Structure formats: structure tokens, C-alpha cells
Amino acid sequence: MAYLTGDGIDLLPLDTDDDRHVEVYRRTRVDPAIRATGWYGEPMAPRAAREHLDTKIDEGVEFYALTPRVTESPDPAVTDARGRPIVGWARAGMRDERARRVDVSCYVLPDWQGRGYGTEAARLVTHYAFAELNARKVEARSQADNEATAAILTGLGFEREATIRDCMYVDGAYVDTAIYGVFEDGFEPDPEARIQ
């Protein structure tokens, strides 16, 4: 897996042997604010989170720990070896090899939202999908009423292509899922982005 470096963040290969990486992933599965707009059933214990990640990685999905280039952190339990906070994660996975469609997603913990980290992570992982995974098209999915994700994706050139009605069951109600897509000629990568 590559190291992805942007203007203000790094996406580091998520290491399932590193409890800090697994903890950030797990927190996105248990945080009520994120679960309200996510795909999740029951919250995950640390062991279940690690097993889920290992399974997905074995299937070829690439996960990255999202680390901004700052040193303040409200929670030292989720800082990396450099003392930087781990504030979320991103992933890229081949949805269809023959059609060269790659699915991307990213999650930022609520205390760190609103700082542009989600936008930069989505831009980096999309750039990586085109540059390194040979994607013809990159897709992303979100709960249809998730305005923050819609703003990030459309700001990066993604277009809302479809709505799957009643796709998820969240808090006692069925909700729709939006599917977004972008082709390389509609995407503007960060000129400062580096893939190592």
C-alpha cells in the first residue's frame, strides 16, 4: 500500500496490528453522530473491528489512517508515533475490475469535522484510485440526506448518479442511499498530492 500525502494531511496505510488505528476505525462504528449517516448494524468491539478490517484488506480493499499535520490532540490514545492525531480513515477498493470501477469512502471523527480533512482525504484517495489503481471511474456512496458528504463529493467533481430507495434501516426508519461517480476528466487532483 502507498502513503498518500496532501497539503495538510497524510493517509498512512492502516495497520491492524496497531491498536490506535483499529480504535479510530472502531470509533466510527460506535459514534452516534456517524452511525446516524452510516451503514452500520451493531457497534463493534476492538477485536471485531480488527477482524473486519483484516477480512476487507485480504479482499484487496486498501484502508488508510487519516492524520493531519497538527500536534494537538484531545485524546492521546489515538495519536500516531509522531504525536499527530489520527482523526479518521479512508479506503479505496475495486468494485468491478473489468469495468475498472473503484469505490472510495472516508470518515472523520466528529471532533475533527469541519476542518477540511474529509475533503482532502476524499481528494487524495480519489487521486490514488485514478493514478495507481487504474480506475476508469470512481464511485462513492452515502446516505442520501447526508449534506456534508454531498458537498464534499460534488465539490470534487462527483455527480449524483442514482438514488437507491429504502436501502438502509437507520433508527427505526428506511433511508435512501445516494451513489456518486466521477471520471478522471471530471476530477481535479491536488497538485501538491504525493503518492509514495
N, C-alpha and C. Protein backbone atom coordinates (compact mmCIF):
# COMPACT_ATOMS: atom_id res chain seq x y z
N MET A 1 0.83 -1.18 0.00
CA MET A 1 0.00 0.00 0.00
C MET A 1 0.88 1.24 0.00
N ALA A 2 0.32 2.30 -0.54
CA ALA A 2 1.05 3.56 -0.67
C ALA A 2 0.83 4.46 0.54
N TYR A 3 1.70 5.45 0.65
CA TYR A 3 1.50 6.56 1.57
C TYR A 3 1.01 7.72 0.73
N LEU A 4 -0.10 8.35 1.13
CA LEU A 4 -0.68 9.45 0.37
C LEU A 4 -0.49 10.73 1.16
N THR A 5 0.11 11.73 0.54
CA THR A 5 0.42 12.98 1.23
C THR A 5 -0.25 14.13 0.50
N GLY A 6 -1.03 14.90 1.24
CA GLY A 6 -1.68 16.07 0.67
C GLY A 6 -1.12 17.34 1.25
N ASP A 7 -1.88 18.41 1.11
CA ASP A 7 -1.44 19.71 1.57
C ASP A 7 -1.37 19.78 3.10
N GLY A 8 -2.36 19.20 3.78
CA GLY A 8 -2.39 19.30 5.23
C GLY A 8 -2.57 18.00 5.98
N ILE A 9 -2.69 16.89 5.23
CA ILE A 9 -2.90 15.59 5.87
C ILE A 9 -2.03 14.53 5.21
N ASP A 10 -1.87 13.44 5.93
CA ASP A 10 -1.27 12.23 5.38
C ASP A 10 -2.29 11.10 5.54
N LEU A 11 -2.34 10.24 4.55
CA LEU A 11 -3.09 8.99 4.66
C LEU A 11 -2.06 7.88 4.71
N LEU A 12 -1.98 7.25 5.87
CA LEU A 12 -0.99 6.20 6.11
C LEU A 12 -1.66 4.84 6.04
N PRO A 13 -1.01 3.83 5.49
CA PRO A 13 -1.64 2.51 5.46
C PRO A 13 -2.12 2.11 6.86
N LEU A 14 -3.38 1.74 6.95
CA LEU A 14 -3.96 1.35 8.23
C LEU A 14 -3.37 0.01 8.63
N ASP A 15 -2.80 -0.05 9.81
CA ASP A 15 -2.13 -1.24 10.31
C ASP A 15 -3.01 -1.90 11.36
N THR A 16 -3.54 -3.08 11.05
CA THR A 16 -4.44 -3.74 12.00
C THR A 16 -3.71 -4.28 13.22
N ASP A 17 -2.38 -4.27 13.20
CA ASP A 17 -1.62 -4.63 14.40
C ASP A 17 -1.41 -3.44 15.33
N ASP A 18 -1.80 -2.25 14.87
CA ASP A 18 -1.67 -1.03 15.67
C ASP A 18 -3.03 -0.73 16.31
N ASP A 19 -3.10 -0.88 17.62
CA ASP A 19 -4.37 -0.68 18.33
C ASP A 19 -4.95 0.71 18.09
N ARG A 20 -4.10 1.72 17.90
CA ARG A 20 -4.58 3.09 17.67
C ARG A 20 -5.33 3.18 16.35
N HIS A 21 -4.83 2.53 15.32
CA HIS A 21 -5.51 2.54 14.03
C HIS A 21 -6.86 1.85 14.13
N VAL A 22 -6.87 0.69 14.77
CA VAL A 22 -8.11 -0.06 14.91
C VAL A 22 -9.11 0.72 15.76
N GLU A 23 -8.64 1.41 16.79
CA GLU A 23 -9.53 2.17 17.66
C GLU A 23 -10.24 3.29 16.91
N VAL A 24 -9.54 3.99 16.05
CA VAL A 24 -10.19 5.06 15.29
C VAL A 24 -11.25 4.47 14.37
N TYR A 25 -10.94 3.37 13.70
CA TYR A 25 -11.93 2.71 12.86
C TYR A 25 -13.14 2.29 13.70
N ARG A 26 -12.87 1.68 14.84
CA ARG A 26 -13.95 1.21 15.72
C ARG A 26 -14.82 2.38 16.17
N ARG A 27 -14.20 3.50 16.51
CA ARG A 27 -14.98 4.66 16.97
C ARG A 27 -15.95 5.15 15.90
N THR A 28 -15.56 5.05 14.65
CA THR A 28 -16.51 5.46 13.61
C THR A 28 -17.70 4.51 13.54
N ARG A 29 -17.53 3.32 14.05
CA ARG A 29 -18.62 2.35 14.05
C ARG A 29 -19.54 2.50 15.26
N VAL A 30 -19.07 3.19 16.31
CA VAL A 30 -19.88 3.30 17.52
C VAL A 30 -20.35 4.72 17.80
N ASP A 31 -19.77 5.72 17.18
CA ASP A 31 -20.15 7.10 17.44
C ASP A 31 -21.56 7.36 16.90
N PRO A 32 -22.48 7.82 17.76
CA PRO A 32 -23.87 8.01 17.31
C PRO A 32 -24.00 8.99 16.14
N ALA A 33 -23.18 10.04 16.11
CA ALA A 33 -23.28 11.02 15.03
C ALA A 33 -22.90 10.40 13.69
N ILE A 34 -21.94 9.51 13.68
CA ILE A 34 -21.53 8.86 12.43
C ILE A 34 -22.47 7.72 12.10
N ARG A 35 -22.89 6.97 13.09
CA ARG A 35 -23.80 5.85 12.84
C ARG A 35 -25.12 6.33 12.26
N ALA A 36 -25.52 7.56 12.57
CA ALA A 36 -26.78 8.10 12.06
C ALA A 36 -26.76 8.25 10.54
N THR A 37 -25.57 8.37 9.95
CA THR A 37 -25.48 8.53 8.50
C THR A 37 -24.69 7.40 7.85
N GLY A 38 -24.50 6.31 8.57
CA GLY A 38 -23.65 5.23 8.05
C GLY A 38 -24.41 3.96 7.77
N TRP A 39 -23.65 2.93 7.46
CA TRP A 39 -24.18 1.65 7.01
C TRP A 39 -24.26 0.61 8.11
N TYR A 40 -24.06 0.99 9.33
CA TYR A 40 -23.70 0.02 10.34
C TYR A 40 -24.88 -0.58 11.06
N GLY A 41 -24.69 -1.84 11.46
CA GLY A 41 -25.62 -2.52 12.33
C GLY A 41 -25.22 -2.25 13.76
N GLU A 42 -24.78 -3.27 14.43
CA GLU A 42 -24.38 -3.13 15.83
C GLU A 42 -22.98 -2.54 15.95
N PRO A 43 -22.71 -1.82 17.06
CA PRO A 43 -21.36 -1.31 17.29
C PRO A 43 -20.36 -2.47 17.38
N MET A 44 -19.10 -2.16 17.12
CA MET A 44 -18.06 -3.18 17.10
C MET A 44 -17.14 -3.08 18.31
N ALA A 45 -16.79 -4.22 18.85
CA ALA A 45 -15.74 -4.29 19.86
C ALA A 45 -14.40 -4.24 19.12
N PRO A 46 -13.30 -3.92 19.83
CA PRO A 46 -12.00 -3.84 19.17
C PRO A 46 -11.62 -5.09 18.37
N ARG A 47 -11.85 -6.26 18.94
CA ARG A 47 -11.49 -7.50 18.23
C ARG A 47 -12.30 -7.66 16.95
N ALA A 48 -13.60 -7.36 17.01
CA ALA A 48 -14.44 -7.47 15.82
C ALA A 48 -14.02 -6.45 14.76
N ALA A 49 -13.64 -5.25 15.18
CA ALA A 49 -13.17 -4.24 14.23
C ALA A 49 -11.91 -4.71 13.53
N ARG A 50 -10.99 -5.26 14.28
CA ARG A 50 -9.73 -5.76 13.70
C ARG A 50 -10.02 -6.89 12.70
N GLU A 51 -10.90 -7.83 13.08
CA GLU A 51 -11.23 -8.94 12.20
C GLU A 51 -11.90 -8.46 10.92
N HIS A 52 -12.80 -7.48 11.06
CA HIS A 52 -13.48 -6.93 9.88
C HIS A 52 -12.47 -6.28 8.94
N LEU A 53 -11.57 -5.47 9.50
CA LEU A 53 -10.54 -4.82 8.68
C LEU A 53 -9.65 -5.85 8.00
N ASP A 54 -9.21 -6.86 8.75
CA ASP A 54 -8.35 -7.90 8.16
C ASP A 54 -9.04 -8.60 6.99
N THR A 55 -10.33 -8.88 7.15
CA THR A 55 -11.09 -9.53 6.08
C THR A 55 -11.14 -8.65 4.84
N LYS A 56 -11.47 -7.38 5.03
CA LYS A 56 -11.56 -6.46 3.90
C LYS A 56 -10.21 -6.26 3.22
N ILE A 57 -9.15 -6.14 4.01
CA ILE A 57 -7.81 -5.97 3.45
C ILE A 57 -7.42 -7.21 2.66
N ASP A 58 -7.75 -8.40 3.19
CA ASP A 58 -7.48 -9.65 2.45
C ASP A 58 -8.24 -9.68 1.12
N GLU A 59 -9.38 -8.99 1.06
CA GLU A 59 -10.17 -8.93 -0.18
C GLU A 59 -9.64 -7.88 -1.15
N GLY A 60 -8.61 -7.14 -0.74
CA GLY A 60 -8.00 -6.15 -1.62
C GLY A 60 -8.39 -4.71 -1.37
N VAL A 61 -9.20 -4.46 -0.36
CA VAL A 61 -9.57 -3.09 -0.03
C VAL A 61 -8.41 -2.45 0.73
N GLU A 62 -8.06 -1.23 0.36
CA GLU A 62 -6.96 -0.53 1.00
C GLU A 62 -7.51 0.49 1.98
N PHE A 63 -7.09 0.41 3.23
CA PHE A 63 -7.53 1.33 4.27
C PHE A 63 -6.37 2.22 4.69
N TYR A 64 -6.69 3.47 5.01
CA TYR A 64 -5.68 4.46 5.41
C TYR A 64 -6.12 5.18 6.67
N ALA A 65 -5.17 5.39 7.57
CA ALA A 65 -5.40 6.22 8.75
C ALA A 65 -5.19 7.67 8.34
N LEU A 66 -6.12 8.53 8.72
CA LEU A 66 -6.08 9.94 8.34
C LEU A 66 -5.40 10.74 9.46
N THR A 67 -4.27 11.34 9.16
CA THR A 67 -3.52 12.10 10.16
C THR A 67 -3.22 13.50 9.64
N PRO A 68 -3.82 14.53 10.26
CA PRO A 68 -3.47 15.90 9.87
C PRO A 68 -2.11 16.28 10.42
N ARG A 69 -1.50 17.28 9.82
CA ARG A 69 -0.18 17.71 10.28
C ARG A 69 -0.31 18.75 11.39
N VAL A 70 -0.91 18.31 12.47
CA VAL A 70 -1.01 19.12 13.69
C VAL A 70 -0.58 18.23 14.84
N THR A 71 -0.26 18.84 15.96
CA THR A 71 0.17 18.02 17.10
C THR A 71 -0.79 18.10 18.27
N GLU A 72 -1.79 19.00 18.23
CA GLU A 72 -2.74 19.00 19.34
C GLU A 72 -3.69 17.83 19.17
N SER A 73 -4.00 17.19 20.26
CA SER A 73 -4.92 16.07 20.21
C SER A 73 -5.66 15.97 21.53
N PRO A 74 -6.99 15.96 21.48
CA PRO A 74 -7.74 15.83 22.72
C PRO A 74 -7.65 14.43 23.32
N ASP A 75 -7.15 13.47 22.56
CA ASP A 75 -7.14 12.09 23.01
C ASP A 75 -5.83 11.41 22.62
N PRO A 76 -4.87 11.33 23.54
CA PRO A 76 -3.59 10.73 23.20
C PRO A 76 -3.67 9.24 22.86
N ALA A 77 -4.79 8.60 23.15
CA ALA A 77 -4.94 7.18 22.81
C ALA A 77 -4.99 6.97 21.30
N VAL A 78 -5.29 8.02 20.56
CA VAL A 78 -5.37 7.89 19.11
C VAL A 78 -4.44 8.90 18.42
N THR A 79 -3.19 8.87 18.83
CA THR A 79 -2.15 9.62 18.13
C THR A 79 -1.19 8.63 17.50
N ASP A 80 -0.55 9.06 16.42
CA ASP A 80 0.41 8.16 15.78
C ASP A 80 1.78 8.28 16.44
N ALA A 81 2.73 7.57 15.91
CA ALA A 81 4.07 7.53 16.52
C ALA A 81 4.76 8.90 16.51
N ARG A 82 4.29 9.80 15.62
CA ARG A 82 4.87 11.14 15.56
C ARG A 82 4.17 12.13 16.48
N GLY A 83 3.15 11.65 17.20
CA GLY A 83 2.39 12.52 18.07
C GLY A 83 1.26 13.25 17.37
N ARG A 84 0.99 12.90 16.14
CA ARG A 84 -0.12 13.51 15.40
C ARG A 84 -1.40 12.73 15.68
N PRO A 85 -2.52 13.44 15.75
CA PRO A 85 -3.79 12.73 15.97
C PRO A 85 -4.20 11.91 14.75
N ILE A 86 -4.83 10.80 15.03
CA ILE A 86 -5.47 10.01 13.97
C ILE A 86 -6.95 10.36 14.05
N VAL A 87 -7.47 11.03 13.04
CA VAL A 87 -8.80 11.63 13.14
C VAL A 87 -9.85 10.92 12.29
N GLY A 88 -9.47 9.87 11.60
CA GLY A 88 -10.42 9.14 10.78
C GLY A 88 -9.70 8.16 9.88
N TRP A 89 -10.38 7.75 8.85
CA TRP A 89 -9.80 6.79 7.91
C TRP A 89 -10.44 6.98 6.54
N ALA A 90 -9.75 6.46 5.55
CA ALA A 90 -10.25 6.46 4.18
C ALA A 90 -9.97 5.08 3.58
N ARG A 91 -10.66 4.77 2.51
CA ARG A 91 -10.42 3.48 1.87
C ARG A 91 -10.69 3.58 0.37
N ALA A 92 -10.06 2.68 -0.36
CA ALA A 92 -10.29 2.52 -1.79
C ALA A 92 -10.33 1.03 -2.09
N GLY A 93 -11.33 0.62 -2.81
CA GLY A 93 -11.45 -0.80 -3.16
C GLY A 93 -12.05 -0.97 -4.54
N MET A 94 -11.53 -1.90 -5.28
CA MET A 94 -12.02 -2.18 -6.62
C MET A 94 -13.42 -2.78 -6.51
N ARG A 95 -14.38 -2.10 -7.08
CA ARG A 95 -15.76 -2.60 -7.08
C ARG A 95 -15.98 -3.54 -8.26
N ASP A 96 -15.35 -3.23 -9.40
CA ASP A 96 -15.52 -4.04 -10.59
C ASP A 96 -14.23 -3.94 -11.41
N GLU A 97 -13.42 -5.00 -11.41
CA GLU A 97 -12.12 -4.96 -12.10
C GLU A 97 -12.28 -4.82 -13.61
N ARG A 98 -13.24 -5.49 -14.16
CA ARG A 98 -13.41 -5.44 -15.62
C ARG A 98 -13.79 -4.03 -16.08
N ALA A 99 -14.68 -3.38 -15.35
CA ALA A 99 -15.11 -2.02 -15.70
C ALA A 99 -14.19 -0.96 -15.09
N ARG A 100 -13.23 -1.39 -14.26
CA ARG A 100 -12.27 -0.51 -13.58
C ARG A 100 -12.99 0.57 -12.76
N ARG A 101 -13.97 0.10 -11.97
CA ARG A 101 -14.69 0.99 -11.05
C ARG A 101 -14.14 0.79 -9.65
N VAL A 102 -13.72 1.88 -9.03
CA VAL A 102 -13.19 1.85 -7.67
C VAL A 102 -14.15 2.59 -6.75
N ASP A 103 -14.42 2.01 -5.60
CA ASP A 103 -15.28 2.61 -4.59
C ASP A 103 -14.39 3.24 -3.52
N VAL A 104 -14.68 4.49 -3.16
CA VAL A 104 -13.91 5.17 -2.12
C VAL A 104 -14.84 5.65 -1.02
N SER A 105 -14.27 5.81 0.16
CA SER A 105 -15.02 6.41 1.27
C SER A 105 -14.03 6.94 2.29
N CYS A 106 -14.52 7.84 3.12
CA CYS A 106 -13.70 8.32 4.24
C CYS A 106 -14.62 8.77 5.36
N TYR A 107 -14.11 8.65 6.57
CA TYR A 107 -14.84 9.03 7.77
C TYR A 107 -13.92 9.85 8.65
N VAL A 108 -14.45 10.94 9.19
CA VAL A 108 -13.71 11.80 10.11
C VAL A 108 -14.49 11.83 11.42
N LEU A 109 -13.79 11.61 12.52
CA LEU A 109 -14.44 11.64 13.83
C LEU A 109 -15.07 13.01 14.07
N PRO A 110 -16.23 13.08 14.74
CA PRO A 110 -16.96 14.33 14.89
C PRO A 110 -16.15 15.49 15.46
N ASP A 111 -15.27 15.25 16.43
CA ASP A 111 -14.48 16.36 17.00
C ASP A 111 -13.57 17.01 15.98
N TRP A 112 -13.33 16.36 14.86
CA TRP A 112 -12.39 16.86 13.85
C TRP A 112 -13.08 17.27 12.56
N GLN A 113 -14.39 17.17 12.51
CA GLN A 113 -15.11 17.55 11.29
C GLN A 113 -15.15 19.06 11.14
N GLY A 114 -15.35 19.52 9.92
CA GLY A 114 -15.44 20.95 9.65
C GLY A 114 -14.10 21.63 9.45
N ARG A 115 -13.03 20.87 9.35
CA ARG A 115 -11.69 21.45 9.17
C ARG A 115 -11.11 21.14 7.79
N GLY A 116 -11.88 20.53 6.93
CA GLY A 116 -11.42 20.22 5.58
C GLY A 116 -10.71 18.89 5.44
N TYR A 117 -10.59 18.14 6.54
CA TYR A 117 -9.87 16.87 6.48
C TYR A 117 -10.60 15.84 5.61
N GLY A 118 -11.92 15.81 5.69
CA GLY A 118 -12.69 14.87 4.88
C GLY A 118 -12.55 15.18 3.40
N THR A 119 -12.59 16.46 3.06
CA THR A 119 -12.44 16.85 1.66
C THR A 119 -11.06 16.46 1.13
N GLU A 120 -10.03 16.76 1.91
CA GLU A 120 -8.68 16.44 1.46
C GLU A 120 -8.47 14.93 1.37
N ALA A 121 -9.00 14.18 2.33
CA ALA A 121 -8.87 12.72 2.28
C ALA A 121 -9.59 12.15 1.07
N ALA A 122 -10.80 12.65 0.79
CA ALA A 122 -11.54 12.18 -0.38
C ALA A 122 -10.79 12.52 -1.67
N ARG A 123 -10.21 13.72 -1.73
CA ARG A 123 -9.44 14.10 -2.92
C ARG A 123 -8.23 13.18 -3.09
N LEU A 124 -7.50 12.92 -2.01
CA LEU A 124 -6.31 12.07 -2.09
C LEU A 124 -6.64 10.65 -2.51
N VAL A 125 -7.65 10.07 -1.89
CA VAL A 125 -7.96 8.66 -2.18
C VAL A 125 -8.55 8.52 -3.59
N THR A 126 -9.25 9.55 -4.07
CA THR A 126 -9.76 9.53 -5.44
C THR A 126 -8.60 9.66 -6.43
N HIS A 127 -7.68 10.56 -6.15
CA HIS A 127 -6.47 10.71 -6.98
C HIS A 127 -5.71 9.39 -7.04
N TYR A 128 -5.56 8.75 -5.89
CA TYR A 128 -4.87 7.46 -5.82
C TYR A 128 -5.58 6.41 -6.69
N ALA A 129 -6.91 6.40 -6.64
CA ALA A 129 -7.67 5.42 -7.42
C ALA A 129 -7.40 5.58 -8.92
N PHE A 130 -7.36 6.82 -9.39
CA PHE A 130 -7.07 7.05 -10.81
C PHE A 130 -5.61 6.78 -11.13
N ALA A 131 -4.70 7.29 -10.31
CA ALA A 131 -3.27 7.24 -10.63
C ALA A 131 -2.65 5.86 -10.43
N GLU A 132 -3.08 5.14 -9.41
CA GLU A 132 -2.40 3.89 -9.06
C GLU A 132 -3.25 2.63 -9.25
N LEU A 133 -4.55 2.76 -9.14
CA LEU A 133 -5.41 1.59 -9.29
C LEU A 133 -5.98 1.48 -10.70
N ASN A 134 -5.63 2.45 -11.56
CA ASN A 134 -6.06 2.46 -12.95
C ASN A 134 -7.58 2.51 -13.08
N ALA A 135 -8.21 3.26 -12.19
CA ALA A 135 -9.66 3.38 -12.24
C ALA A 135 -10.08 4.15 -13.48
N ARG A 136 -11.13 3.70 -14.09
CA ARG A 136 -11.77 4.46 -15.16
C ARG A 136 -12.80 5.39 -14.54
N LYS A 137 -13.40 4.89 -13.45
CA LYS A 137 -14.44 5.65 -12.75
C LYS A 137 -14.28 5.40 -11.26
N VAL A 138 -14.53 6.44 -10.47
CA VAL A 138 -14.52 6.32 -9.01
C VAL A 138 -15.93 6.60 -8.51
N GLU A 139 -16.39 5.77 -7.60
CA GLU A 139 -17.73 5.92 -7.04
C GLU A 139 -17.66 6.07 -5.53
N ALA A 140 -18.67 6.72 -4.99
CA ALA A 140 -18.82 6.85 -3.54
C ALA A 140 -20.30 6.77 -3.23
N ARG A 141 -20.60 6.30 -2.04
CA ARG A 141 -21.99 6.17 -1.60
C ARG A 141 -22.16 6.87 -0.26
N SER A 142 -23.34 7.38 -0.04
CA SER A 142 -23.65 7.95 1.27
C SER A 142 -25.15 7.90 1.48
N GLN A 143 -25.53 8.10 2.71
CA GLN A 143 -26.95 8.24 3.00
C GLN A 143 -27.42 9.46 2.20
N ALA A 144 -28.56 9.36 1.55
CA ALA A 144 -29.00 10.39 0.61
C ALA A 144 -29.17 11.76 1.24
N ASP A 145 -29.50 11.82 2.52
CA ASP A 145 -29.71 13.13 3.15
C ASP A 145 -28.45 13.65 3.85
N ASN A 146 -27.30 13.06 3.60
CA ASN A 146 -26.05 13.50 4.22
C ASN A 146 -25.49 14.67 3.40
N GLU A 147 -25.85 15.88 3.80
CA GLU A 147 -25.49 17.08 3.04
C GLU A 147 -23.99 17.35 3.06
N ALA A 148 -23.32 17.05 4.17
CA ALA A 148 -21.88 17.30 4.25
C ALA A 148 -21.12 16.45 3.25
N THR A 149 -21.46 15.17 3.18
CA THR A 149 -20.79 14.29 2.22
C THR A 149 -21.12 14.71 0.79
N ALA A 150 -22.37 15.07 0.54
CA ALA A 150 -22.75 15.52 -0.80
C ALA A 150 -21.93 16.74 -1.21
N ALA A 151 -21.73 17.67 -0.30
CA ALA A 151 -20.95 18.88 -0.60
C ALA A 151 -19.49 18.53 -0.90
N ILE A 152 -18.92 17.62 -0.12
CA ILE A 152 -17.54 17.20 -0.38
C ILE A 152 -17.43 16.58 -1.77
N LEU A 153 -18.29 15.63 -2.05
CA LEU A 153 -18.18 14.89 -3.31
C LEU A 153 -18.45 15.77 -4.52
N THR A 154 -19.51 16.56 -4.50
CA THR A 154 -19.80 17.41 -5.65
C THR A 154 -18.73 18.48 -5.82
N GLY A 155 -18.14 18.92 -4.71
CA GLY A 155 -17.04 19.89 -4.79
C GLY A 155 -15.80 19.31 -5.45
N LEU A 156 -15.68 17.99 -5.45
CA LEU A 156 -14.54 17.32 -6.08
C LEU A 156 -14.84 16.87 -7.51
N GLY A 157 -16.04 17.18 -7.99
CA GLY A 157 -16.40 16.81 -9.36
C GLY A 157 -17.29 15.60 -9.49
N PHE A 158 -17.60 14.93 -8.38
CA PHE A 158 -18.52 13.79 -8.42
C PHE A 158 -19.92 14.30 -8.77
N GLU A 159 -20.66 13.48 -9.47
CA GLU A 159 -22.06 13.78 -9.76
C GLU A 159 -22.93 12.72 -9.11
N ARG A 160 -24.07 13.17 -8.60
CA ARG A 160 -25.02 12.21 -8.04
C ARG A 160 -25.67 11.48 -9.21
N GLU A 161 -25.47 10.17 -9.25
CA GLU A 161 -25.91 9.38 -10.40
C GLU A 161 -27.16 8.56 -10.13
N ALA A 162 -27.39 8.23 -8.88
CA ALA A 162 -28.53 7.37 -8.59
C ALA A 162 -28.94 7.49 -7.13
N THR A 163 -30.17 7.13 -6.89
CA THR A 163 -30.68 7.01 -5.53
C THR A 163 -31.26 5.60 -5.40
N ILE A 164 -30.82 4.91 -4.38
CA ILE A 164 -31.40 3.60 -4.08
C ILE A 164 -32.35 3.81 -2.92
N ARG A 165 -33.62 3.65 -3.19
CA ARG A 165 -34.64 3.94 -2.18
C ARG A 165 -34.65 2.88 -1.08
N ASP A 166 -34.88 3.35 0.14
CA ASP A 166 -35.02 2.46 1.30
C ASP A 166 -33.89 1.43 1.39
N CYS A 167 -32.69 1.87 1.15
CA CYS A 167 -31.53 0.97 1.08
C CYS A 167 -31.00 0.58 2.46
N MET A 168 -31.18 1.47 3.44
CA MET A 168 -30.66 1.22 4.78
C MET A 168 -31.79 1.38 5.79
N TYR A 169 -31.60 0.75 6.93
CA TYR A 169 -32.54 0.88 8.03
C TYR A 169 -31.79 1.55 9.17
N VAL A 170 -32.15 2.79 9.48
CA VAL A 170 -31.43 3.59 10.47
C VAL A 170 -32.42 4.15 11.48
N ASP A 171 -32.18 3.89 12.74
CA ASP A 171 -33.02 4.43 13.82
C ASP A 171 -34.51 4.21 13.58
N GLY A 172 -34.86 3.02 13.17
CA GLY A 172 -36.26 2.66 13.04
C GLY A 172 -36.92 3.11 11.75
N ALA A 173 -36.14 3.59 10.78
CA ALA A 173 -36.73 4.04 9.52
C ALA A 173 -35.84 3.63 8.35
N TYR A 174 -36.48 3.41 7.22
CA TYR A 174 -35.73 3.14 6.00
C TYR A 174 -35.27 4.46 5.40
N VAL A 175 -34.04 4.49 4.92
CA VAL A 175 -33.49 5.70 4.32
C VAL A 175 -32.85 5.36 2.98
N ASP A 176 -32.79 6.37 2.13
CA ASP A 176 -32.23 6.20 0.80
C ASP A 176 -30.71 6.33 0.81
N THR A 177 -30.08 5.75 -0.20
CA THR A 177 -28.65 5.87 -0.42
C THR A 177 -28.42 6.58 -1.74
N ALA A 178 -27.48 7.50 -1.75
CA ALA A 178 -27.08 8.20 -2.97
C ALA A 178 -25.78 7.60 -3.48
N ILE A 179 -25.68 7.44 -4.79
CA ILE A 179 -24.45 6.97 -5.43
C ILE A 179 -23.90 8.11 -6.26
N TYR A 180 -22.63 8.41 -6.03
CA TYR A 180 -21.93 9.47 -6.75
C TYR A 180 -20.84 8.85 -7.59
N GLY A 181 -20.53 9.48 -8.72
CA GLY A 181 -19.45 8.99 -9.56
C GLY A 181 -18.70 10.12 -10.22
N VAL A 182 -17.44 9.85 -10.55
CA VAL A 182 -16.61 10.82 -11.28
C VAL A 182 -15.66 10.05 -12.19
N PHE A 183 -15.48 10.59 -13.39
CA PHE A 183 -14.46 10.09 -14.31
C PHE A 183 -13.23 10.97 -14.16
N GLU A 184 -12.10 10.47 -14.61
CA GLU A 184 -10.85 11.19 -14.40
C GLU A 184 -10.87 12.59 -15.02
N ASP A 185 -11.52 12.74 -16.17
CA ASP A 185 -11.53 14.06 -16.81
C ASP A 185 -12.42 15.06 -16.08
N GLY A 186 -13.23 14.59 -15.14
CA GLY A 186 -14.06 15.49 -14.34
C GLY A 186 -13.51 15.76 -12.96
N PHE A 187 -12.34 15.20 -12.67
CA PHE A 187 -11.74 15.31 -11.34
C PHE A 187 -10.46 16.12 -11.42
N GLU A 188 -10.31 17.06 -10.49
CA GLU A 188 -9.09 17.86 -10.44
C GLU A 188 -8.29 17.45 -9.21
N PRO A 189 -7.17 16.75 -9.41
CA PRO A 189 -6.38 16.32 -8.26
C PRO A 189 -5.66 17.49 -7.60
N ASP A 190 -5.26 17.28 -6.38
CA ASP A 190 -4.45 18.26 -5.66
C ASP A 190 -3.06 18.26 -6.28
N PRO A 191 -2.60 19.41 -6.80
CA PRO A 191 -1.26 19.43 -7.41
C PRO A 191 -0.14 19.15 -6.42
N GLU A 192 -0.43 19.29 -5.12
CA GLU A 192 0.57 19.03 -4.08
C GLU A 192 0.58 17.57 -3.64
N ALA A 193 -0.40 16.78 -4.10
CA ALA A 193 -0.53 15.40 -3.65
C ALA A 193 0.67 14.57 -4.08
N ARG A 194 1.10 13.71 -3.16
CA ARG A 194 2.20 12.80 -3.46
C ARG A 194 1.79 11.39 -3.05
N ILE A 195 2.14 10.45 -3.90
CA ILE A 195 1.90 9.03 -3.62
C ILE A 195 3.26 8.38 -3.53
N GLN A 196 3.53 7.73 -2.39
CA GLN A 196 4.85 7.12 -2.19
C GLN A 196 4.70 5.64 -1.90
